[in-house]
């Protein structure tokens, strides 16, 4: 295990110890920590095998998670619990949209109607607005992190939505005589620093001693 991987492991483990009580906010924090750690581990595994594009796709997902978490725990609008519920309502709305699209593909599938109705009932019972769109979430965050997130979204978007150009880049990368180790190292640093932002914002929220040491800005 590399020093960066050891740092990741320690970072997530130490942050979990700061969560002492059971409530909605802490449940979300634990879930985010578990999900982020899985993504970080997967990113490092992919990069260790020189699978750069799949790693970039996961880094972009990790960045989106970081933005949503920072909005939930740091934004001055509403309370933390209200923002968590807005996130939950947006998730329900997105799931409904996916099922409605699937229904158009498979109109004879009656089970989908029941699933949509169940989700719509849950959504309608939540008397709160949905989470802001991603771009508007960024407007609520510090400028330095907003700029970073926009760059990650732009640079790594093609790793999520594959087309002829991005597939061509994968082909060229796979047929290089030598892999650029500095690119691999930079992507690992990007993953590590996003993890520091996730664990740092949770540590700050829990008013832990010295949480500032866990916060970081990603430099690309």
N, C-alpha and C. Protein backbone atom coordinates (compact mmCIF):
# COMPACT_ATOMS: atom_id res chain seq x y z
N UNK A 1 0.85 -1.20 0.00
CA UNK A 1 0.00 0.00 0.00
C UNK A 1 0.89 1.25 0.00
N UNK A 2 0.58 2.18 -0.92
CA UNK A 2 1.38 3.39 -1.03
C UNK A 2 1.08 4.35 0.12
N UNK A 3 1.92 5.36 0.26
CA UNK A 3 1.72 6.35 1.33
C UNK A 3 0.41 7.12 1.12
N UNK A 4 0.06 7.39 -0.14
CA UNK A 4 -1.19 8.10 -0.41
C UNK A 4 -2.40 7.25 -0.03
N UNK A 5 -2.33 5.96 -0.31
CA UNK A 5 -3.42 5.06 0.05
C UNK A 5 -3.54 4.93 1.57
N UNK A 6 -2.41 4.89 2.25
CA UNK A 6 -2.42 4.85 3.72
C UNK A 6 -3.03 6.13 4.29
N UNK A 7 -2.73 7.26 3.65
CA UNK A 7 -3.29 8.54 4.10
C UNK A 7 -4.80 8.54 3.94
N UNK A 8 -5.29 8.02 2.82
CA UNK A 8 -6.73 7.92 2.60
C UNK A 8 -7.39 7.08 3.68
N UNK A 9 -6.83 5.90 3.93
CA UNK A 9 -7.38 4.99 4.92
C UNK A 9 -7.47 5.65 6.29
N UNK A 10 -6.39 6.32 6.68
CA UNK A 10 -6.34 6.98 7.98
C UNK A 10 -7.34 8.14 8.05
N UNK A 11 -7.44 8.90 6.98
CA UNK A 11 -8.30 10.07 6.94
C UNK A 11 -9.77 9.69 7.17
N UNK A 12 -10.23 8.68 6.46
CA UNK A 12 -11.62 8.27 6.61
C UNK A 12 -11.88 7.65 7.99
N UNK A 13 -10.93 6.85 8.45
CA UNK A 13 -11.10 6.21 9.77
C UNK A 13 -11.16 7.25 10.88
N UNK A 14 -10.27 8.24 10.84
CA UNK A 14 -10.26 9.28 11.87
C UNK A 14 -11.53 10.12 11.85
N UNK A 15 -12.03 10.41 10.66
CA UNK A 15 -13.24 11.23 10.57
C UNK A 15 -14.45 10.50 11.12
N UNK A 16 -14.51 9.19 10.91
CA UNK A 16 -15.64 8.42 11.46
C UNK A 16 -15.70 8.52 12.98
N UNK A 17 -14.55 8.62 13.63
CA UNK A 17 -14.53 8.67 15.10
C UNK A 17 -15.13 9.96 15.63
N UNK A 18 -15.28 10.98 14.78
CA UNK A 18 -15.83 12.26 15.22
C UNK A 18 -17.35 12.23 15.30
N UNK A 19 -17.96 11.22 14.73
CA UNK A 19 -19.42 11.13 14.68
C UNK A 19 -19.88 10.29 15.86
N UNK A 20 -20.45 10.95 16.87
CA UNK A 20 -20.74 10.30 18.14
C UNK A 20 -22.20 9.90 18.31
N UNK A 21 -23.12 10.68 17.73
CA UNK A 21 -24.54 10.47 18.00
C UNK A 21 -25.27 10.03 16.74
N UNK A 22 -26.51 9.55 16.94
CA UNK A 22 -27.34 9.10 15.83
C UNK A 22 -28.40 10.15 15.52
N UNK A 23 -28.33 10.72 14.34
CA UNK A 23 -29.37 11.61 13.85
C UNK A 23 -29.28 11.63 12.32
N UNK A 24 -30.18 12.37 11.69
CA UNK A 24 -30.24 12.36 10.23
C UNK A 24 -28.95 12.86 9.61
N UNK A 25 -28.42 13.94 10.17
CA UNK A 25 -27.20 14.53 9.61
C UNK A 25 -26.02 13.58 9.74
N UNK A 26 -25.85 12.96 10.90
CA UNK A 26 -24.73 12.05 11.09
C UNK A 26 -24.86 10.79 10.24
N UNK A 27 -26.12 10.34 10.06
CA UNK A 27 -26.34 9.19 9.18
C UNK A 27 -25.90 9.52 7.76
N UNK A 28 -26.20 10.75 7.30
CA UNK A 28 -25.76 11.16 5.97
C UNK A 28 -24.24 11.21 5.90
N UNK A 29 -23.60 11.75 6.95
CA UNK A 29 -22.14 11.86 6.96
C UNK A 29 -21.48 10.49 6.88
N UNK A 30 -21.98 9.54 7.64
CA UNK A 30 -21.43 8.18 7.60
C UNK A 30 -21.61 7.58 6.21
N UNK A 31 -22.80 7.77 5.62
CA UNK A 31 -23.06 7.24 4.28
C UNK A 31 -22.12 7.86 3.26
N UNK A 32 -21.92 9.17 3.35
CA UNK A 32 -21.02 9.85 2.43
C UNK A 32 -19.59 9.35 2.60
N UNK A 33 -19.15 9.21 3.84
CA UNK A 33 -17.79 8.70 4.09
C UNK A 33 -17.60 7.32 3.50
N UNK A 34 -18.58 6.44 3.70
CA UNK A 34 -18.47 5.08 3.16
C UNK A 34 -18.41 5.11 1.63
N UNK A 35 -19.32 5.89 1.02
CA UNK A 35 -19.35 5.96 -0.44
C UNK A 35 -18.09 6.58 -1.00
N UNK A 36 -17.63 7.67 -0.39
CA UNK A 36 -16.42 8.35 -0.88
C UNK A 36 -15.20 7.46 -0.75
N UNK A 37 -15.11 6.72 0.34
CA UNK A 37 -13.96 5.83 0.52
C UNK A 37 -13.95 4.73 -0.55
N UNK A 38 -15.13 4.19 -0.85
CA UNK A 38 -15.21 3.17 -1.90
C UNK A 38 -14.76 3.74 -3.24
N UNK A 39 -15.21 4.95 -3.55
CA UNK A 39 -14.83 5.58 -4.81
C UNK A 39 -13.32 5.85 -4.85
N UNK A 40 -12.77 6.36 -3.76
CA UNK A 40 -11.33 6.63 -3.72
C UNK A 40 -10.52 5.35 -3.91
N UNK A 41 -10.93 4.29 -3.24
CA UNK A 41 -10.22 3.02 -3.40
C UNK A 41 -10.28 2.53 -4.85
N UNK A 42 -11.47 2.67 -5.46
CA UNK A 42 -11.63 2.24 -6.85
C UNK A 42 -10.77 3.09 -7.79
N UNK A 43 -10.71 4.39 -7.53
CA UNK A 43 -9.90 5.30 -8.36
C UNK A 43 -8.43 4.89 -8.30
N UNK A 44 -7.94 4.61 -7.10
CA UNK A 44 -6.54 4.21 -6.97
C UNK A 44 -6.28 2.86 -7.63
N UNK A 45 -7.21 1.93 -7.50
CA UNK A 45 -7.04 0.64 -8.17
C UNK A 45 -6.95 0.81 -9.68
N UNK A 46 -7.83 1.65 -10.23
CA UNK A 46 -7.83 1.88 -11.67
C UNK A 46 -6.54 2.56 -12.12
N UNK A 47 -6.12 3.57 -11.38
CA UNK A 47 -4.90 4.29 -11.75
C UNK A 47 -3.66 3.41 -11.62
N UNK A 48 -3.65 2.52 -10.65
CA UNK A 48 -2.51 1.60 -10.51
C UNK A 48 -2.39 0.66 -11.71
N UNK A 49 -3.51 0.48 -12.42
CA UNK A 49 -3.53 -0.34 -13.63
C UNK A 49 -3.49 0.51 -14.90
N UNK A 50 -3.31 1.84 -14.71
CA UNK A 50 -3.24 2.79 -15.83
C UNK A 50 -4.57 2.94 -16.58
N UNK A 51 -5.69 2.67 -15.91
CA UNK A 51 -7.00 2.90 -16.51
C UNK A 51 -7.42 4.33 -16.19
N UNK A 52 -6.90 5.26 -16.99
CA UNK A 52 -7.04 6.68 -16.69
C UNK A 52 -8.47 7.18 -16.88
N UNK A 53 -9.10 6.84 -18.00
CA UNK A 53 -10.43 7.39 -18.27
C UNK A 53 -11.49 6.92 -17.27
N UNK A 54 -11.56 5.63 -16.95
CA UNK A 54 -12.51 5.22 -15.92
C UNK A 54 -12.26 5.91 -14.58
N UNK A 55 -10.98 6.12 -14.25
CA UNK A 55 -10.65 6.82 -13.00
C UNK A 55 -11.14 8.26 -13.04
N UNK A 56 -10.99 8.92 -14.19
CA UNK A 56 -11.48 10.29 -14.32
C UNK A 56 -12.99 10.36 -14.13
N UNK A 57 -13.71 9.36 -14.65
CA UNK A 57 -15.16 9.33 -14.49
C UNK A 57 -15.55 9.27 -13.01
N UNK A 58 -14.83 8.45 -12.26
CA UNK A 58 -15.12 8.33 -10.82
C UNK A 58 -14.72 9.59 -10.07
N UNK A 59 -13.63 10.23 -10.50
CA UNK A 59 -13.22 11.49 -9.85
C UNK A 59 -14.29 12.56 -10.05
N UNK A 60 -14.88 12.61 -11.23
CA UNK A 60 -15.93 13.60 -11.46
C UNK A 60 -17.13 13.32 -10.56
N UNK A 61 -17.49 12.04 -10.41
CA UNK A 61 -18.58 11.68 -9.49
C UNK A 61 -18.23 12.10 -8.06
N UNK A 62 -16.99 11.88 -7.67
CA UNK A 62 -16.54 12.24 -6.33
C UNK A 62 -16.60 13.75 -6.12
N UNK A 63 -16.29 14.49 -7.16
CA UNK A 63 -16.37 15.95 -7.08
C UNK A 63 -17.80 16.41 -6.88
N UNK A 64 -18.74 15.81 -7.60
CA UNK A 64 -20.15 16.17 -7.45
C UNK A 64 -20.64 15.86 -6.04
N UNK A 65 -20.21 14.72 -5.51
CA UNK A 65 -20.57 14.38 -4.14
C UNK A 65 -20.03 15.41 -3.16
N UNK A 66 -18.79 15.84 -3.39
CA UNK A 66 -18.17 16.84 -2.51
C UNK A 66 -18.96 18.15 -2.53
N UNK A 67 -19.36 18.58 -3.71
CA UNK A 67 -20.14 19.82 -3.84
C UNK A 67 -21.45 19.71 -3.07
N UNK A 68 -22.15 18.61 -3.22
CA UNK A 68 -23.43 18.45 -2.55
C UNK A 68 -23.26 18.39 -1.02
N UNK A 69 -22.20 17.71 -0.57
CA UNK A 69 -21.94 17.64 0.86
C UNK A 69 -21.61 19.01 1.42
N UNK A 70 -20.75 19.75 0.72
CA UNK A 70 -20.38 21.09 1.20
C UNK A 70 -21.60 22.00 1.26
N UNK A 71 -22.47 21.88 0.28
CA UNK A 71 -23.71 22.68 0.29
C UNK A 71 -24.57 22.30 1.49
N UNK A 72 -24.68 21.00 1.76
CA UNK A 72 -25.51 20.54 2.88
C UNK A 72 -24.99 21.03 4.22
N UNK A 73 -23.68 21.02 4.41
CA UNK A 73 -23.10 21.27 5.73
C UNK A 73 -22.57 22.68 5.93
N UNK A 74 -22.40 23.44 4.85
CA UNK A 74 -21.80 24.76 4.99
C UNK A 74 -22.66 25.92 4.49
N UNK A 75 -23.60 25.64 3.62
CA UNK A 75 -24.40 26.73 3.05
C UNK A 75 -25.25 27.39 4.12
N UNK A 76 -25.33 28.73 4.16
CA UNK A 76 -26.11 29.42 5.19
C UNK A 76 -27.62 29.33 4.99
N UNK A 77 -28.07 28.93 3.80
CA UNK A 77 -29.51 28.83 3.54
C UNK A 77 -30.09 27.63 4.28
N UNK A 78 -31.26 27.80 4.91
CA UNK A 78 -31.95 26.71 5.59
C UNK A 78 -31.10 26.13 6.72
N UNK A 79 -31.52 25.00 7.24
CA UNK A 79 -30.74 24.28 8.23
C UNK A 79 -30.12 23.05 7.56
N UNK A 80 -29.17 22.41 8.26
CA UNK A 80 -28.55 21.21 7.70
C UNK A 80 -29.60 20.15 7.39
N UNK A 81 -30.51 19.92 8.34
CA UNK A 81 -31.53 18.89 8.14
C UNK A 81 -32.43 19.21 6.95
N UNK A 82 -32.76 20.48 6.76
CA UNK A 82 -33.59 20.87 5.62
C UNK A 82 -32.87 20.64 4.30
N UNK A 83 -31.59 20.95 4.26
CA UNK A 83 -30.84 20.74 3.03
C UNK A 83 -30.68 19.24 2.72
N UNK A 84 -30.54 18.44 3.75
CA UNK A 84 -30.47 16.98 3.55
C UNK A 84 -31.78 16.48 2.96
N UNK A 85 -32.90 16.99 3.47
CA UNK A 85 -34.21 16.59 2.95
C UNK A 85 -34.40 17.08 1.51
N UNK A 86 -33.85 18.25 1.19
CA UNK A 86 -33.94 18.74 -0.19
C UNK A 86 -33.13 17.83 -1.13
N UNK A 87 -31.99 17.37 -0.66
CA UNK A 87 -31.18 16.42 -1.42
C UNK A 87 -31.98 15.13 -1.65
N UNK A 88 -32.61 14.65 -0.59
CA UNK A 88 -33.41 13.43 -0.69
C UNK A 88 -34.55 13.60 -1.68
N UNK A 89 -35.22 14.76 -1.64
CA UNK A 89 -36.33 14.99 -2.56
C UNK A 89 -35.85 15.04 -4.00
N UNK A 90 -34.69 15.63 -4.23
CA UNK A 90 -34.13 15.69 -5.58
C UNK A 90 -33.78 14.29 -6.09
N UNK A 91 -33.31 13.45 -5.18
CA UNK A 91 -33.01 12.07 -5.56
C UNK A 91 -34.28 11.34 -5.98
N UNK A 92 -35.36 11.55 -5.24
CA UNK A 92 -36.64 10.94 -5.62
C UNK A 92 -37.09 11.43 -6.99
N UNK A 93 -36.95 12.74 -7.24
CA UNK A 93 -37.36 13.31 -8.52
C UNK A 93 -36.54 12.71 -9.67
N UNK A 94 -35.23 12.53 -9.44
CA UNK A 94 -34.38 11.95 -10.47
C UNK A 94 -34.75 10.49 -10.73
N UNK A 95 -35.05 9.75 -9.67
CA UNK A 95 -35.46 8.35 -9.83
C UNK A 95 -36.77 8.24 -10.59
N UNK A 96 -37.69 9.16 -10.33
CA UNK A 96 -38.95 9.19 -11.06
C UNK A 96 -38.71 9.43 -12.55
N UNK A 97 -37.83 10.38 -12.83
CA UNK A 97 -37.50 10.71 -14.23
C UNK A 97 -36.93 9.50 -14.96
N UNK A 98 -36.04 8.77 -14.30
CA UNK A 98 -35.44 7.57 -14.92
C UNK A 98 -36.51 6.52 -15.21
N UNK A 99 -37.42 6.31 -14.24
CA UNK A 99 -38.48 5.33 -14.44
C UNK A 99 -39.44 5.75 -15.55
N UNK A 100 -39.73 7.04 -15.63
CA UNK A 100 -40.62 7.52 -16.69
C UNK A 100 -39.98 7.32 -18.07
N UNK A 101 -38.68 7.53 -18.16
CA UNK A 101 -37.98 7.29 -19.42
C UNK A 101 -37.98 5.80 -19.77
N UNK A 102 -37.81 4.97 -18.73
CA UNK A 102 -37.83 3.53 -18.97
C UNK A 102 -39.23 3.07 -19.38
N UNK A 103 -40.26 3.71 -18.84
CA UNK A 103 -41.64 3.37 -19.19
C UNK A 103 -41.90 3.62 -20.67
N UNK A 104 -41.30 4.68 -21.21
CA UNK A 104 -41.47 4.95 -22.64
C UNK A 104 -40.82 3.88 -23.51
N UNK A 105 -39.76 3.27 -22.99
CA UNK A 105 -39.08 2.19 -23.71
C UNK A 105 -39.85 0.88 -23.57
N UNK A 106 -40.43 0.68 -22.39
CA UNK A 106 -41.13 -0.58 -22.08
C UNK A 106 -42.54 -0.26 -21.56
N UNK A 107 -43.44 0.22 -22.44
CA UNK A 107 -44.77 0.68 -21.99
C UNK A 107 -45.66 -0.43 -21.42
N UNK A 108 -45.35 -1.67 -21.69
CA UNK A 108 -46.18 -2.77 -21.20
C UNK A 108 -45.79 -3.22 -19.78
N UNK A 109 -44.74 -2.64 -19.25
CA UNK A 109 -44.27 -3.03 -17.92
C UNK A 109 -45.08 -2.29 -16.85
N UNK A 110 -46.09 -2.97 -16.32
CA UNK A 110 -46.98 -2.34 -15.34
C UNK A 110 -46.33 -2.13 -13.99
N UNK A 111 -45.27 -2.87 -13.70
CA UNK A 111 -44.59 -2.69 -12.42
C UNK A 111 -44.00 -1.29 -12.29
N UNK A 112 -43.60 -0.73 -13.43
CA UNK A 112 -42.99 0.60 -13.40
C UNK A 112 -43.98 1.64 -12.92
N UNK A 113 -45.24 1.50 -13.32
CA UNK A 113 -46.27 2.45 -12.88
C UNK A 113 -46.38 2.48 -11.36
N UNK A 114 -46.35 1.31 -10.74
CA UNK A 114 -46.43 1.24 -9.28
C UNK A 114 -45.22 1.85 -8.62
N UNK A 115 -44.04 1.64 -9.21
CA UNK A 115 -42.82 2.21 -8.66
C UNK A 115 -42.84 3.73 -8.75
N UNK A 116 -43.31 4.24 -9.90
CA UNK A 116 -43.41 5.69 -10.06
C UNK A 116 -44.38 6.28 -9.05
N UNK A 117 -45.52 5.65 -8.89
CA UNK A 117 -46.53 6.15 -7.96
C UNK A 117 -46.00 6.18 -6.53
N UNK A 118 -45.28 5.14 -6.14
CA UNK A 118 -44.72 5.08 -4.78
C UNK A 118 -43.74 6.22 -4.54
N UNK A 119 -42.87 6.44 -5.52
CA UNK A 119 -41.89 7.52 -5.38
C UNK A 119 -42.56 8.89 -5.40
N UNK A 120 -43.57 9.05 -6.24
CA UNK A 120 -44.28 10.33 -6.31
C UNK A 120 -44.97 10.64 -4.99
N UNK A 121 -45.54 9.62 -4.34
CA UNK A 121 -46.19 9.84 -3.04
C UNK A 121 -45.18 10.29 -2.00
N UNK A 122 -44.01 9.66 -1.99
CA UNK A 122 -42.96 10.07 -1.05
C UNK A 122 -42.52 11.50 -1.32
N UNK A 123 -42.35 11.82 -2.58
CA UNK A 123 -41.89 13.16 -2.97
C UNK A 123 -42.94 14.21 -2.61
N UNK A 124 -44.22 13.92 -2.89
CA UNK A 124 -45.28 14.88 -2.63
C UNK A 124 -45.48 15.13 -1.14
N UNK A 125 -45.11 14.15 -0.32
CA UNK A 125 -45.26 14.30 1.13
C UNK A 125 -44.13 15.11 1.77
N UNK A 126 -43.14 15.46 0.98
CA UNK A 126 -42.02 16.26 1.50
C UNK A 126 -42.29 17.72 1.18
N UNK A 127 -42.72 18.45 2.17
CA UNK A 127 -43.09 19.85 2.00
C UNK A 127 -41.84 20.74 2.04
N UNK A 128 -41.04 20.62 1.00
CA UNK A 128 -39.78 21.35 0.94
C UNK A 128 -39.33 21.40 -0.52
N UNK A 129 -38.53 22.40 -0.87
CA UNK A 129 -38.02 22.50 -2.24
C UNK A 129 -36.99 21.42 -2.51
N UNK A 130 -36.77 21.15 -3.79
CA UNK A 130 -35.71 20.23 -4.18
C UNK A 130 -34.35 20.93 -4.05
N UNK A 131 -33.30 20.14 -4.08
CA UNK A 131 -31.95 20.69 -4.09
C UNK A 131 -31.75 21.56 -5.33
N UNK A 132 -30.94 22.58 -5.21
CA UNK A 132 -30.62 23.43 -6.34
C UNK A 132 -29.90 22.64 -7.43
N UNK A 133 -30.03 23.04 -8.69
CA UNK A 133 -29.22 22.41 -9.75
C UNK A 133 -27.74 22.57 -9.44
N UNK A 134 -26.93 21.69 -10.02
CA UNK A 134 -25.51 21.63 -9.70
C UNK A 134 -24.82 22.98 -9.86
N UNK A 135 -25.08 23.66 -10.97
CA UNK A 135 -24.42 24.95 -11.21
C UNK A 135 -24.77 25.96 -10.14
N UNK A 136 -26.02 25.94 -9.66
CA UNK A 136 -26.43 26.88 -8.62
C UNK A 136 -25.86 26.50 -7.27
N UNK A 137 -25.64 25.21 -7.04
CA UNK A 137 -24.97 24.79 -5.81
C UNK A 137 -23.58 25.40 -5.74
N UNK A 138 -22.89 25.40 -6.89
CA UNK A 138 -21.53 25.94 -6.92
C UNK A 138 -21.50 27.42 -6.54
N UNK A 139 -22.56 28.13 -6.91
CA UNK A 139 -22.61 29.56 -6.59
C UNK A 139 -22.64 29.81 -5.09
N UNK A 140 -23.05 28.80 -4.33
CA UNK A 140 -23.15 28.94 -2.88
C UNK A 140 -21.83 28.61 -2.17
N UNK A 141 -20.86 28.12 -2.92
CA UNK A 141 -19.62 27.64 -2.32
C UNK A 141 -18.50 28.66 -2.53
N UNK A 142 -17.39 28.53 -1.77
CA UNK A 142 -16.26 29.43 -1.96
C UNK A 142 -15.78 29.45 -3.40
N UNK A 143 -15.34 30.61 -3.86
CA UNK A 143 -14.96 30.77 -5.27
C UNK A 143 -13.88 29.79 -5.70
N UNK A 144 -12.90 29.54 -4.82
CA UNK A 144 -11.80 28.67 -5.21
C UNK A 144 -12.29 27.25 -5.47
N UNK A 145 -13.26 26.80 -4.67
CA UNK A 145 -13.78 25.45 -4.89
C UNK A 145 -14.72 25.43 -6.09
N UNK A 146 -15.46 26.53 -6.30
CA UNK A 146 -16.34 26.62 -7.47
C UNK A 146 -15.52 26.50 -8.75
N UNK A 147 -14.41 27.20 -8.83
CA UNK A 147 -13.56 27.15 -10.02
C UNK A 147 -13.01 25.75 -10.25
N UNK A 148 -12.61 25.09 -9.18
CA UNK A 148 -12.07 23.74 -9.27
C UNK A 148 -13.13 22.78 -9.79
N UNK A 149 -14.34 22.88 -9.23
CA UNK A 149 -15.41 21.96 -9.59
C UNK A 149 -15.81 22.13 -11.06
N UNK A 150 -15.86 23.37 -11.52
CA UNK A 150 -16.18 23.61 -12.93
C UNK A 150 -15.12 23.01 -13.84
N UNK A 151 -13.85 23.13 -13.44
CA UNK A 151 -12.77 22.57 -14.25
C UNK A 151 -12.86 21.04 -14.28
N UNK A 152 -13.12 20.43 -13.14
CA UNK A 152 -13.26 18.98 -13.10
C UNK A 152 -14.43 18.53 -13.97
N UNK A 153 -15.54 19.24 -13.87
CA UNK A 153 -16.72 18.89 -14.65
C UNK A 153 -16.41 18.96 -16.14
N UNK A 154 -15.73 20.03 -16.53
CA UNK A 154 -15.41 20.23 -17.95
C UNK A 154 -14.38 19.21 -18.43
N UNK A 155 -13.30 19.06 -17.69
CA UNK A 155 -12.20 18.21 -18.14
C UNK A 155 -12.55 16.73 -18.10
N UNK A 156 -13.35 16.32 -17.13
CA UNK A 156 -13.62 14.90 -16.96
C UNK A 156 -14.99 14.48 -17.47
N UNK A 157 -15.77 15.41 -18.01
CA UNK A 157 -17.10 15.08 -18.51
C UNK A 157 -17.04 14.04 -19.61
N UNK A 158 -16.02 14.14 -20.47
CA UNK A 158 -15.91 13.21 -21.59
C UNK A 158 -15.59 11.79 -21.13
N UNK A 159 -15.12 11.64 -19.90
CA UNK A 159 -14.88 10.30 -19.38
C UNK A 159 -16.17 9.63 -18.91
N UNK A 160 -17.20 10.45 -18.67
CA UNK A 160 -18.50 9.92 -18.25
C UNK A 160 -19.38 9.67 -19.47
N UNK A 161 -19.39 10.64 -20.41
CA UNK A 161 -20.22 10.54 -21.61
C UNK A 161 -19.30 10.26 -22.80
N UNK A 162 -19.10 8.98 -23.08
CA UNK A 162 -18.15 8.59 -24.10
C UNK A 162 -18.68 8.89 -25.51
N UNK A 163 -17.78 9.36 -26.36
CA UNK A 163 -18.10 9.58 -27.77
C UNK A 163 -16.88 9.19 -28.59
N UNK A 164 -16.92 9.48 -29.89
CA UNK A 164 -15.83 9.05 -30.77
C UNK A 164 -14.50 9.68 -30.36
N UNK A 165 -14.54 10.95 -29.96
CA UNK A 165 -13.29 11.63 -29.58
C UNK A 165 -12.69 11.05 -28.31
N UNK A 166 -13.53 10.86 -27.27
CA UNK A 166 -13.00 10.33 -26.02
C UNK A 166 -12.54 8.88 -26.17
N UNK A 167 -13.27 8.10 -26.98
CA UNK A 167 -12.83 6.72 -27.23
C UNK A 167 -11.50 6.71 -27.97
N UNK A 168 -11.31 7.70 -28.86
CA UNK A 168 -10.04 7.80 -29.56
C UNK A 168 -8.90 8.11 -28.61
N UNK A 169 -9.17 8.97 -27.61
CA UNK A 169 -8.14 9.28 -26.62
C UNK A 169 -7.77 8.04 -25.80
N UNK A 170 -8.78 7.23 -25.48
CA UNK A 170 -8.50 5.99 -24.74
C UNK A 170 -7.61 5.07 -25.58
N UNK A 171 -7.93 4.99 -26.86
CA UNK A 171 -7.13 4.13 -27.77
C UNK A 171 -5.68 4.60 -27.81
N UNK A 172 -5.51 5.92 -27.98
CA UNK A 172 -4.15 6.46 -28.06
C UNK A 172 -3.40 6.24 -26.75
N UNK A 173 -4.09 6.43 -25.62
CA UNK A 173 -3.45 6.22 -24.32
C UNK A 173 -3.02 4.77 -24.16
N UNK A 174 -3.89 3.83 -24.55
CA UNK A 174 -3.60 2.41 -24.37
C UNK A 174 -2.45 1.94 -25.27
N UNK A 175 -2.18 2.70 -26.33
CA UNK A 175 -1.14 2.27 -27.26
C UNK A 175 0.15 3.09 -27.14
N UNK A 176 0.24 3.89 -26.08
CA UNK A 176 1.48 4.60 -25.81
C UNK A 176 2.55 3.63 -25.34
N UNK A 177 3.78 3.90 -25.77
CA UNK A 177 4.89 3.05 -25.32
C UNK A 177 5.14 3.23 -23.84
N UNK A 178 5.00 4.47 -23.37
CA UNK A 178 5.24 4.76 -21.95
C UNK A 178 4.09 5.56 -21.38
N UNK A 179 3.61 5.13 -20.24
CA UNK A 179 2.54 5.86 -19.56
C UNK A 179 3.15 7.03 -18.81
N UNK A 180 2.49 8.17 -18.88
CA UNK A 180 2.98 9.37 -18.19
C UNK A 180 2.65 9.24 -16.70
N UNK A 181 3.67 8.91 -15.92
CA UNK A 181 3.45 8.69 -14.49
C UNK A 181 3.04 9.97 -13.77
N UNK A 182 3.45 11.12 -14.30
CA UNK A 182 3.06 12.38 -13.67
C UNK A 182 1.56 12.60 -13.77
N UNK A 183 0.93 12.16 -14.88
CA UNK A 183 -0.52 12.26 -15.01
C UNK A 183 -1.22 11.37 -14.00
N UNK A 184 -0.69 10.17 -13.83
CA UNK A 184 -1.27 9.24 -12.84
C UNK A 184 -1.16 9.84 -11.45
N UNK A 185 -0.01 10.38 -11.13
CA UNK A 185 0.21 10.97 -9.81
C UNK A 185 -0.71 12.18 -9.59
N UNK A 186 -0.89 12.99 -10.62
CA UNK A 186 -1.77 14.16 -10.51
C UNK A 186 -3.20 13.75 -10.23
N UNK A 187 -3.68 12.71 -10.89
CA UNK A 187 -5.04 12.25 -10.67
C UNK A 187 -5.21 11.65 -9.27
N UNK A 188 -4.18 10.97 -8.79
CA UNK A 188 -4.23 10.46 -7.42
C UNK A 188 -4.28 11.61 -6.42
N UNK A 189 -3.51 12.65 -6.68
CA UNK A 189 -3.54 13.83 -5.81
C UNK A 189 -4.92 14.49 -5.84
N UNK A 190 -5.52 14.54 -7.02
CA UNK A 190 -6.85 15.13 -7.15
C UNK A 190 -7.85 14.35 -6.31
N UNK A 191 -7.80 13.02 -6.38
CA UNK A 191 -8.67 12.16 -5.58
C UNK A 191 -8.42 12.38 -4.10
N UNK A 192 -7.17 12.42 -3.72
CA UNK A 192 -6.79 12.58 -2.31
C UNK A 192 -7.30 13.91 -1.77
N UNK A 193 -7.17 14.97 -2.53
CA UNK A 193 -7.56 16.28 -2.06
C UNK A 193 -9.09 16.45 -2.01
N UNK A 194 -9.80 15.79 -2.92
CA UNK A 194 -11.26 15.79 -2.80
C UNK A 194 -11.68 15.05 -1.53
N UNK A 195 -10.98 13.96 -1.24
CA UNK A 195 -11.27 13.23 0.00
C UNK A 195 -11.00 14.10 1.22
N UNK A 196 -9.95 14.93 1.15
CA UNK A 196 -9.65 15.83 2.26
C UNK A 196 -10.75 16.87 2.43
N UNK A 197 -11.32 17.32 1.32
CA UNK A 197 -12.43 18.26 1.43
C UNK A 197 -13.66 17.61 2.06
N UNK A 198 -13.93 16.37 1.69
CA UNK A 198 -15.08 15.65 2.25
C UNK A 198 -14.89 15.42 3.74
N UNK A 199 -13.75 14.86 4.13
CA UNK A 199 -13.52 14.59 5.54
C UNK A 199 -13.35 15.89 6.32
N UNK A 200 -12.77 16.89 5.68
CA UNK A 200 -12.57 18.17 6.36
C UNK A 200 -13.86 18.89 6.68
N UNK A 201 -14.80 18.92 5.72
CA UNK A 201 -16.04 19.64 5.97
C UNK A 201 -16.88 18.91 7.03
N UNK A 202 -16.78 17.59 7.07
CA UNK A 202 -17.47 16.83 8.13
C UNK A 202 -16.82 17.12 9.48
N UNK A 203 -15.49 17.15 9.52
CA UNK A 203 -14.78 17.43 10.77
C UNK A 203 -15.12 18.83 11.28
N UNK A 204 -15.15 19.80 10.38
CA UNK A 204 -15.50 21.16 10.78
C UNK A 204 -16.92 21.20 11.33
N UNK A 205 -17.82 20.51 10.66
CA UNK A 205 -19.21 20.48 11.09
C UNK A 205 -19.36 19.88 12.48
N UNK A 206 -18.50 18.94 12.80
CA UNK A 206 -18.58 18.30 14.12
C UNK A 206 -17.77 19.05 15.17
N UNK A 207 -17.22 20.21 14.77
CA UNK A 207 -16.45 21.06 15.68
C UNK A 207 -15.33 20.28 16.35
N UNK A 208 -14.67 19.45 15.55
CA UNK A 208 -13.57 18.65 16.10
C UNK A 208 -12.34 19.52 16.26
N UNK A 209 -11.45 19.09 17.13
CA UNK A 209 -10.21 19.83 17.35
C UNK A 209 -9.31 19.71 16.13
N UNK A 210 -8.89 20.87 15.63
CA UNK A 210 -7.95 20.92 14.51
C UNK A 210 -8.48 20.40 13.21
N UNK A 211 -9.76 20.61 12.83
CA UNK A 211 -10.25 20.06 11.57
C UNK A 211 -9.66 20.73 10.35
N UNK A 212 -9.15 21.97 10.54
CA UNK A 212 -8.66 22.70 9.39
C UNK A 212 -7.53 21.96 8.68
N UNK A 213 -6.82 21.10 9.40
CA UNK A 213 -5.71 20.38 8.78
C UNK A 213 -6.20 19.40 7.74
N UNK A 214 -7.49 19.07 7.76
CA UNK A 214 -8.02 18.12 6.81
C UNK A 214 -8.56 18.77 5.55
N UNK A 215 -8.74 20.09 5.57
CA UNK A 215 -9.31 20.75 4.41
C UNK A 215 -8.21 21.05 3.40
N UNK A 216 -8.61 21.09 2.13
CA UNK A 216 -7.61 21.31 1.09
C UNK A 216 -8.30 21.87 -0.14
N UNK A 217 -7.50 22.47 -0.98
CA UNK A 217 -7.97 22.94 -2.27
C UNK A 217 -7.26 22.14 -3.36
N UNK A 218 -8.04 21.63 -4.30
CA UNK A 218 -7.46 20.84 -5.38
C UNK A 218 -6.80 21.77 -6.37
N UNK A 219 -5.57 21.51 -6.70
CA UNK A 219 -4.85 22.30 -7.68
C UNK A 219 -4.60 21.45 -8.92
N UNK A 220 -5.12 21.90 -10.05
CA UNK A 220 -5.01 21.13 -11.29
C UNK A 220 -4.11 21.84 -12.29
